[in-house]
């Protein structure tokens, strides 16, 4: 039977994919969220511990700088290590195709069957994908290792995204102590700004994941709120015990 093209339904708008930034959304969300949460928790501890405004400011700046460097370095090493592991796997897969081609073709057949390709079409599908070594290797990269070239992550892009967004996320907990004299007032302003930031991050994330922005925002707030209360009381009790 000849293939008949299905007419387009103009009443249903075409929704594009996220695009080439898709693989870095983890770094963006993790970086800014970690900056927001970890810095406000650090500030909560030292404010609860009775530090002065200048001491809190220095602690917040130190935490922001250390966190940004740590996040950036961690993402660089993790992404680079993952890339090197997959490169080693692909090299080994190339050797397998050269030395044990029949086993690889059989493995391809099993994976295609697991995808739901009917037995009547399986022989043809395997024959097409295993027609030459390059095509077989590309098929195994996708099916066995989940590798798609367009989804490959750059260690440098991951590093800068994590570091920069962590630094941006730490700003709401740093800036108030530049302009106020009272640590408690600075902490109150930082808490309000961080609350807004956390809700905004959750809402922005929902624009990509197509989930409920209110629910996503409150998830961030609940986690950070519980942590903030615990952190403040840890500092407060420590100050009472030592002081």
Foldseek 3Di string as FASTA:
>chain_A
DDDDDDDDDPVDDDDDAPPLCVLQVVLQLVQLLCLLQVLLLQLLQVVLLPDFLVVSLVSLVVCLQVQLQVQLVVLLVVLVVVVVVLVVVLVVVLVCCVVPVVVLLVVLLVLVVVVPDDPVCSVVVSCVQVVDSVSSSVSCCCRVVVDDPSSRDHSNVSSCSNSVSSSVNSVLLNPLSVPDRGSVVSSVSSLVVSLVVLLVSQLVVCVNVVDDSNVRSVVSVVVSVVSSVVSNVNNNVVSVVVD
